[in-house]
């Protein structure tokens, strides 16, 4: 699976014939939604940063690839839920995410037109990320081993060209993960089964919110059928 994503990424970069491209970065914050700490859906409390590449296939859609590094943390002492405050658990995890998918613009966003343009957009696809399997014993969070799994990203944002070749965007993206143990509440290790707690039927989520800045390059596309 890792090789598939790598091939897809390289193909997108090397196929430059009559297309326009964007490359740049993301900087913002991250937060997690799960069994420890606050229950806010958008509440960045850690730094997130990464790289973005887009292959614009038309003024309305683009293939998008990104690599993002972030920390996730939660602290029951900062929760508004009284039961969590009394429990007093906390954790910190680190994730590295690769995501590939389709970005759709609500309005035409032709990068070869000189005038200022702005459009809302949405993005979805598939994400693959690494994280640490955690467990909590006697109130102390410990690492078991490193692991990886998939997530489904759902991003909404708005972007505008601020110069001829620079595009600034602001976005919020939630990821539904295929794990319930970003926080140490549901370790996979069967030997740690007595330490499981919380809602074991609901997987964890994490959220990235911040700014993107990309540089555009490439030949003027015809935006027509091949």
C-alpha atoms as a PDB file:
ATOM      1  CA  UNK A   1       0.000   0.000   0.000  1.00  0.00           C
ATOM      2  CA  UNK A   2       2.855   2.398   0.765  1.00  0.00           C
ATOM      3  CA  UNK A   3       4.327   1.662  -2.678  1.00  0.00           C
ATOM      4  CA  UNK A   4       0.970   2.385  -4.333  1.00  0.00           C
ATOM      5  CA  UNK A   5       0.782   5.855  -2.754  1.00  0.00           C
ATOM      6  CA  UNK A   6       4.407   6.567  -3.702  1.00  0.00           C
ATOM      7  CA  UNK A   7       3.814   5.600  -7.343  1.00  0.00           C
ATOM      8  CA  UNK A   8       0.658   7.732  -7.467  1.00  0.00           C
ATOM      9  CA  UNK A   9       2.514  10.716  -6.025  1.00  0.00           C
ATOM     10  CA  UNK A  10       5.458  10.421  -8.429  1.00  0.00           C
ATOM     11  CA  UNK A  11       3.122   9.994 -11.411  1.00  0.00           C
ATOM     12  CA  UNK A  12       1.290  13.190 -10.491  1.00  0.00           C
ATOM     13  CA  UNK A  13       4.516  15.193 -10.325  1.00  0.00           C
ATOM     14  CA  UNK A  14       6.172  13.825 -13.440  1.00  0.00           C
ATOM     15  CA  UNK A  15       3.174  14.026 -15.794  1.00  0.00           C
ATOM     16  CA  UNK A  16       3.565  17.743 -16.567  1.00  0.00           C
ATOM     17  CA  UNK A  17       2.164  17.744 -20.109  1.00  0.00           C
ATOM     18  CA  UNK A  18      -0.329  20.615 -20.574  1.00  0.00           C
ATOM     19  CA  UNK A  19      -1.263  20.817 -16.902  1.00  0.00           C
ATOM     20  CA  UNK A  20      -0.820  23.337 -14.102  1.00  0.00           C
ATOM     21  CA  UNK A  21       0.553  22.447 -10.704  1.00  0.00           C
ATOM     22  CA  UNK A  22       0.737  23.772  -7.173  1.00  0.00           C
ATOM     23  CA  UNK A  23       3.313  22.983  -4.526  1.00  0.00           C
ATOM     24  CA  UNK A  24       3.516  24.491  -1.058  1.00  0.00           C
ATOM     25  CA  UNK A  25       2.889  23.974   2.608  1.00  0.00           C
ATOM     26  CA  UNK A  26       0.359  23.771   5.413  1.00  0.00           C
ATOM     27  CA  UNK A  27       0.751  25.350   8.846  1.00  0.00           C
ATOM     28  CA  UNK A  28      -1.815  25.236  11.604  1.00  0.00           C
ATOM     29  CA  UNK A  29      -3.013  23.296  14.598  1.00  0.00           C
ATOM     30  CA  UNK A  30      -4.321  19.855  15.452  1.00  0.00           C
ATOM     31  CA  UNK A  31      -6.706  18.378  17.948  1.00  0.00           C
ATOM     32  CA  UNK A  32      -8.148  14.958  18.614  1.00  0.00           C
ATOM     33  CA  UNK A  33     -11.685  13.775  19.443  1.00  0.00           C
ATOM     34  CA  UNK A  34     -11.943  10.694  21.631  1.00  0.00           C
ATOM     35  CA  UNK A  35     -12.108   9.377  25.183  1.00  0.00           C
ATOM     36  CA  UNK A  36      -9.728  11.758  26.981  1.00  0.00           C
ATOM     37  CA  UNK A  37      -9.824  15.509  27.453  1.00  0.00           C
ATOM     38  CA  UNK A  38     -12.081  18.086  25.845  1.00  0.00           C
ATOM     39  CA  UNK A  39     -15.010  17.145  23.630  1.00  0.00           C
ATOM     40  CA  UNK A  40     -14.767  20.138  21.248  1.00  0.00           C
ATOM     41  CA  UNK A  41     -14.747  19.221  17.574  1.00  0.00           C
ATOM     42  CA  UNK A  42     -12.466  22.082  16.494  1.00  0.00           C
ATOM     43  CA  UNK A  43     -10.045  23.075  19.229  1.00  0.00           C
ATOM     44  CA  UNK A  44      -6.405  23.104  17.994  1.00  0.00           C
ATOM     45  CA  UNK A  45      -3.975  22.618  20.877  1.00  0.00           C
ATOM     46  CA  UNK A  46      -0.884  21.259  19.072  1.00  0.00           C
ATOM     47  CA  UNK A  47       1.158  22.340  16.042  1.00  0.00           C
ATOM     48  CA  UNK A  48       0.603  20.702  12.639  1.00  0.00           C
ATOM     49  CA  UNK A  49       2.635  21.330   9.487  1.00  0.00           C
ATOM     50  CA  UNK A  50       3.189  19.691   6.134  1.00  0.00           C
ATOM     51  CA  UNK A  51       3.695  19.726   2.367  1.00  0.00           C
ATOM     52  CA  UNK A  52       1.006  19.892  -0.333  1.00  0.00           C
ATOM     53  CA  UNK A  53       1.053  19.144  -4.054  1.00  0.00           C
ATOM     54  CA  UNK A  54      -1.940  19.681  -6.388  1.00  0.00           C
ATOM     55  CA  UNK A  55      -2.389  18.622  -9.994  1.00  0.00           C
ATOM     56  CA  UNK A  56      -5.180  20.811 -11.378  1.00  0.00           C
ATOM     57  CA  UNK A  57      -7.170  18.871 -13.952  1.00  0.00           C
ATOM     58  CA  UNK A  58      -9.744  21.634 -14.553  1.00  0.00           C
ATOM     59  CA  UNK A  59     -10.839  24.955 -12.987  1.00  0.00           C
ATOM     60  CA  UNK A  60     -13.156  22.886 -10.789  1.00  0.00           C
ATOM     61  CA  UNK A  61     -11.105  19.933  -9.563  1.00  0.00           C
ATOM     62  CA  UNK A  62      -7.567  18.837  -8.720  1.00  0.00           C
ATOM     63  CA  UNK A  63      -5.777  15.740  -7.523  1.00  0.00           C
ATOM     64  CA  UNK A  64      -4.213  16.588  -4.167  1.00  0.00           C
ATOM     65  CA  UNK A  65      -1.404  14.891  -2.239  1.00  0.00           C
ATOM     66  CA  UNK A  66      -0.130  15.911   1.193  1.00  0.00           C
ATOM     67  CA  UNK A  67       2.303  14.842   3.884  1.00  0.00           C
ATOM     68  CA  UNK A  68       1.564  16.195   7.372  1.00  0.00           C
ATOM     69  CA  UNK A  69       3.284  15.884  10.742  1.00  0.00           C
ATOM     70  CA  UNK A  70       1.443  16.674  13.981  1.00  0.00           C
ATOM     71  CA  UNK A  71       1.115  15.912  17.660  1.00  0.00           C
ATOM     72  CA  UNK A  72      -2.185  14.962  19.305  1.00  0.00           C
ATOM     73  CA  UNK A  73      -2.886  15.400  22.993  1.00  0.00           C
ATOM     74  CA  UNK A  74      -5.680  15.339  25.513  1.00  0.00           C
ATOM     75  CA  UNK A  75      -5.973  16.187  29.192  1.00  0.00           C
ATOM     76  CA  UNK A  76      -8.958  15.300  31.376  1.00  0.00           C
ATOM     77  CA  UNK A  77      -8.126  18.222  33.676  1.00  0.00           C
ATOM     78  CA  UNK A  78      -9.116  20.596  30.825  1.00  0.00           C
ATOM     79  CA  UNK A  79     -12.380  18.805  30.045  1.00  0.00           C
ATOM     80  CA  UNK A  80     -15.818  20.204  30.802  1.00  0.00           C
ATOM     81  CA  UNK A  81     -17.069  16.700  31.627  1.00  0.00           C
ATOM     82  CA  UNK A  82     -17.003  16.143  35.391  1.00  0.00           C
ATOM     83  CA  UNK A  83     -16.310  12.395  35.116  1.00  0.00           C
ATOM     84  CA  UNK A  84     -13.226  13.022  33.026  1.00  0.00           C
ATOM     85  CA  UNK A  85     -11.982  15.713  35.394  1.00  0.00           C
ATOM     86  CA  UNK A  86     -12.196  13.279  38.302  1.00  0.00           C
ATOM     87  CA  UNK A  87     -10.445  10.529  36.333  1.00  0.00           C
ATOM     88  CA  UNK A  88      -7.484  12.748  35.459  1.00  0.00           C
ATOM     89  CA  UNK A  89      -5.981  10.894  32.476  1.00  0.00           C
ATOM     90  CA  UNK A  90      -3.848  12.587  29.812  1.00  0.00           C
ATOM     91  CA  UNK A  91      -1.851  11.499  26.766  1.00  0.00           C
ATOM     92  CA  UNK A  92       0.315  12.730  23.904  1.00  0.00           C
ATOM     93  CA  UNK A  93       0.798  11.018  20.555  1.00  0.00           C
ATOM     94  CA  UNK A  94       2.631  11.792  17.319  1.00  0.00           C
ATOM     95  CA  UNK A  95       1.292  11.127  13.812  1.00  0.00           C
ATOM     96  CA  UNK A  96       2.653  11.356  10.286  1.00  0.00           C
ATOM     97  CA  UNK A  97      -0.067  11.368   7.624  1.00  0.00           C
ATOM     98  CA  UNK A  98       0.054  10.869   3.857  1.00  0.00           C
ATOM     99  CA  UNK A  99      -3.195  11.760   2.087  1.00  0.00           C
ATOM    100  CA  UNK A 100      -4.298  11.462  -1.550  1.00  0.00           C
ATOM    101  CA  UNK A 101      -7.618  12.446  -3.043  1.00  0.00           C
ATOM    102  CA  UNK A 102      -9.733  14.922  -4.982  1.00  0.00           C
ATOM    103  CA  UNK A 103     -10.246  18.625  -4.251  1.00  0.00           C
ATOM    104  CA  UNK A 104     -13.391  20.191  -5.728  1.00  0.00           C
ATOM    105  CA  UNK A 105     -13.886  23.958  -6.206  1.00  0.00           C
ATOM    106  CA  UNK A 106     -17.383  25.404  -5.926  1.00  0.00           C
ATOM    107  CA  UNK A 107     -16.506  28.160  -8.425  1.00  0.00           C
ATOM    108  CA  UNK A 108     -14.228  28.151 -11.477  1.00  0.00           C
ATOM    109  CA  UNK A 109     -10.629  28.698 -10.363  1.00  0.00           C
ATOM    110  CA  UNK A 110      -8.657  29.195 -13.570  1.00  0.00           C
ATOM    111  CA  UNK A 111      -5.094  29.851 -12.473  1.00  0.00           C
ATOM    112  CA  UNK A 112      -4.107  31.416 -15.816  1.00  0.00           C
ATOM    113  CA  UNK A 113      -6.549  34.306 -15.523  1.00  0.00           C
ATOM    114  CA  UNK A 114      -4.962  37.422 -14.057  1.00  0.00           C
ATOM    115  CA  UNK A 115      -7.861  38.772 -12.004  1.00  0.00           C
ATOM    116  CA  UNK A 116      -8.370  37.976  -8.314  1.00  0.00           C
ATOM    117  CA  UNK A 117     -10.357  34.788  -7.766  1.00  0.00           C
ATOM    118  CA  UNK A 118     -11.829  33.189  -4.662  1.00  0.00           C
ATOM    119  CA  UNK A 119     -13.667  29.928  -4.121  1.00  0.00           C
ATOM    120  CA  UNK A 120     -14.787  27.603  -1.334  1.00  0.00           C
ATOM    121  CA  UNK A 121     -13.618  24.023  -1.786  1.00  0.00           C
ATOM    122  CA  UNK A 122     -14.000  20.538  -0.349  1.00  0.00           C
ATOM    123  CA  UNK A 123     -11.587  17.616  -0.313  1.00  0.00           C
ATOM    124  CA  UNK A 124     -11.802  13.928   0.431  1.00  0.00           C
ATOM    125  CA  UNK A 125      -9.836  10.802  -0.366  1.00  0.00           C
ATOM    126  CA  UNK A 126      -7.833   8.371   1.738  1.00  0.00           C
ATOM    127  CA  UNK A 127      -5.199   8.990   4.405  1.00  0.00           C
ATOM    128  CA  UNK A 128      -2.581   6.626   5.759  1.00  0.00           C
ATOM    129  CA  UNK A 129      -0.864   7.573   9.006  1.00  0.00           C
ATOM    130  CA  UNK A 130       1.554   6.271  11.591  1.00  0.00           C
ATOM    131  CA  UNK A 131       1.012   6.634  15.334  1.00  0.00           C
ATOM    132  CA  UNK A 132       1.989   5.086  18.664  1.00  0.00           C
ATOM    133  CA  UNK A 133      -0.084   2.364  20.313  1.00  0.00           C
ATOM    134  CA  UNK A 134      -0.518   3.589  23.912  1.00  0.00           C
ATOM    135  CA  UNK A 135      -1.873   2.226  27.160  1.00  0.00           C
ATOM    136  CA  UNK A 136      -2.568   3.801  30.533  1.00  0.00           C
ATOM    137  CA  UNK A 137      -1.692   2.097  33.797  1.00  0.00           C
ATOM    138  CA  UNK A 138      -2.010   3.653  37.250  1.00  0.00           C
ATOM    139  CA  UNK A 139      -2.824   6.966  35.567  1.00  0.00           C
ATOM    140  CA  UNK A 140       0.432   6.998  33.578  1.00  0.00           C
ATOM    141  CA  UNK A 141       0.428   6.846  29.763  1.00  0.00           C
ATOM    142  CA  UNK A 142       2.993   4.515  28.180  1.00  0.00           C
ATOM    143  CA  UNK A 143       3.937   3.508  24.629  1.00  0.00           C
ATOM    144  CA  UNK A 144       3.453  -0.111  23.560  1.00  0.00           C
ATOM    145  CA  UNK A 145       4.700  -0.027  19.937  1.00  0.00           C
ATOM    146  CA  UNK A 146       4.461   1.976  16.720  1.00  0.00           C
ATOM    147  CA  UNK A 147       1.558   1.245  14.381  1.00  0.00           C
ATOM    148  CA  UNK A 148      -0.210   2.577  11.285  1.00  0.00           C
ATOM    149  CA  UNK A 149      -3.699   2.598   9.811  1.00  0.00           C
ATOM    150  CA  UNK A 150      -6.048   4.456   7.475  1.00  0.00           C
ATOM    151  CA  UNK A 151      -8.359   7.430   7.913  1.00  0.00           C
ATOM    152  CA  UNK A 152     -11.016   9.162   5.820  1.00  0.00           C
ATOM    153  CA  UNK A 153     -10.317  12.911   5.448  1.00  0.00           C
ATOM    154  CA  UNK A 154     -13.135  15.460   5.036  1.00  0.00           C
ATOM    155  CA  UNK A 155     -11.881  19.016   4.448  1.00  0.00           C
ATOM    156  CA  UNK A 156     -13.671  22.313   3.807  1.00  0.00           C
ATOM    157  CA  UNK A 157     -11.849  25.533   2.996  1.00  0.00           C
ATOM    158  CA  UNK A 158     -11.663  28.753   1.040  1.00  0.00           C
ATOM    159  CA  UNK A 159      -8.785  29.979  -1.145  1.00  0.00           C
ATOM    160  CA  UNK A 160      -7.733  32.958  -3.243  1.00  0.00           C
ATOM    161  CA  UNK A 161      -4.799  33.941  -5.466  1.00  0.00           C
ATOM    162  CA  UNK A 162      -2.878  36.695  -3.643  1.00  0.00           C
ATOM    163  CA  UNK A 163      -0.310  37.158  -6.447  1.00  0.00           C
ATOM    164  CA  UNK A 164       0.043  35.742  -9.947  1.00  0.00           C
ATOM    165  CA  UNK A 165       1.700  32.558  -8.636  1.00  0.00           C
ATOM    166  CA  UNK A 166       0.718  32.359  -4.945  1.00  0.00           C
ATOM    167  CA  UNK A 167      -2.541  30.940  -3.588  1.00  0.00           C
ATOM    168  CA  UNK A 168      -3.537  31.356   0.061  1.00  0.00           C
ATOM    169  CA  UNK A 169      -6.117  29.072   1.632  1.00  0.00           C
ATOM    170  CA  UNK A 170      -7.754  28.508   4.999  1.00  0.00           C
ATOM    171  CA  UNK A 171      -9.197  25.095   5.824  1.00  0.00           C
ATOM    172  CA  UNK A 172     -10.506  22.753   8.497  1.00  0.00           C
ATOM    173  CA  UNK A 173     -10.285  19.012   7.992  1.00  0.00           C
ATOM    174  CA  UNK A 174     -11.547  16.159  10.157  1.00  0.00           C
ATOM    175  CA  UNK A 175     -10.226  12.616   9.834  1.00  0.00           C
ATOM    176  CA  UNK A 176     -12.260   9.567  10.825  1.00  0.00           C
ATOM    177  CA  UNK A 177      -9.668   6.958  11.761  1.00  0.00           C
ATOM    178  CA  UNK A 178      -9.759   3.170  11.746  1.00  0.00           C
ATOM    179  CA  UNK A 179      -8.374   3.005  15.279  1.00  0.00           C
ATOM    180  CA  UNK A 180      -9.789   3.645  18.747  1.00  0.00           C
ATOM    181  CA  UNK A 181      -6.403   3.975  20.402  1.00  0.00           C
ATOM    182  CA  UNK A 182      -4.821   7.302  19.603  1.00  0.00           C
ATOM    183  CA  UNK A 183      -5.259   8.035  23.316  1.00  0.00           C
ATOM    184  CA  UNK A 184      -4.449   4.716  25.032  1.00  0.00           C
ATOM    185  CA  UNK A 185      -8.088   3.889  25.788  1.00  0.00           C
ATOM    186  CA  UNK A 186      -8.331   0.722  23.684  1.00  0.00           C
ATOM    187  CA  UNK A 187      -4.922  -0.963  23.170  1.00  0.00           C
ATOM    188  CA  UNK A 188      -4.783  -3.747  20.575  1.00  0.00           C
ATOM    189  CA  UNK A 189      -2.493  -5.828  22.769  1.00  0.00           C
ATOM    190  CA  UNK A 190      -4.722  -8.528  24.260  1.00  0.00           C
ATOM    191  CA  UNK A 191      -2.539  -8.648  27.364  1.00  0.00           C
ATOM    192  CA  UNK A 192      -3.658  -5.072  28.076  1.00  0.00           C
ATOM    193  CA  UNK A 193      -7.379  -5.754  27.684  1.00  0.00           C
ATOM    194  CA  UNK A 194      -8.153  -5.087  31.409  1.00  0.00           C
ATOM    195  CA  UNK A 195      -6.834  -1.531  30.936  1.00  0.00           C
ATOM    196  CA  UNK A 196      -9.371  -0.585  28.242  1.00  0.00           C
ATOM    197  CA  UNK A 197     -11.875   2.164  29.035  1.00  0.00           C
ATOM    198  CA  UNK A 198     -14.252   4.652  27.454  1.00  0.00           C
ATOM    199  CA  UNK A 199     -16.541   4.052  24.477  1.00  0.00           C
ATOM    200  CA  UNK A 200     -14.984   1.002  22.830  1.00  0.00           C
ATOM    201  CA  UNK A 201     -17.506   1.083  19.966  1.00  0.00           C
ATOM    202  CA  UNK A 202     -16.442   4.481  18.618  1.00  0.00           C
ATOM    203  CA  UNK A 203     -13.198   5.169  16.768  1.00  0.00           C
ATOM    204  CA  UNK A 204     -11.057   8.259  17.330  1.00  0.00           C
ATOM    205  CA  UNK A 205     -10.973  11.355  15.121  1.00  0.00           C
ATOM    206  CA  UNK A 206      -8.357  14.035  14.601  1.00  0.00           C
ATOM    207  CA  UNK A 207      -8.619  17.511  13.096  1.00  0.00           C
ATOM    208  CA  UNK A 208      -6.198  19.786  11.235  1.00  0.00           C
ATOM    209  CA  UNK A 209      -7.089  23.470  10.888  1.00  0.00           C
ATOM    210  CA  UNK A 210      -4.851  26.167   9.452  1.00  0.00           C
ATOM    211  CA  UNK A 211      -3.494  27.912   6.366  1.00  0.00           C
ATOM    212  CA  UNK A 212      -2.095  26.651   3.064  1.00  0.00           C
ATOM    213  CA  UNK A 213       0.227  28.593   0.777  1.00  0.00           C
ATOM    214  CA  UNK A 214       1.026  27.153  -2.649  1.00  0.00           C
ATOM    215  CA  UNK A 215       3.074  28.256  -5.667  1.00  0.00           C
ATOM    216  CA  UNK A 216       1.637  27.591  -9.138  1.00  0.00           C
ATOM    217  CA  UNK A 217       3.639  26.499 -12.165  1.00  0.00           C
ATOM    218  CA  UNK A 218       3.243  24.574 -15.431  1.00  0.00           C
ATOM    219  CA  UNK A 219       1.986  25.071 -18.963  1.00  0.00           C
ATOM    220  CA  UNK A 220      -1.400  26.587 -19.691  1.00  0.00           C
ATOM    221  CA  UNK A 221      -3.914  23.712 -19.870  1.00  0.00           C
ATOM    222  CA  UNK A 222      -6.722  23.441 -22.398  1.00  0.00           C
ATOM    223  CA  UNK A 223      -9.089  21.936 -19.750  1.00  0.00           C
ATOM    224  CA  UNK A 224     -10.662  19.690 -22.359  1.00  0.00           C
ATOM    225  CA  UNK A 225     -11.181  15.974 -22.815  1.00  0.00           C
ATOM    226  CA  UNK A 226      -8.094  13.988 -23.790  1.00  0.00           C
END
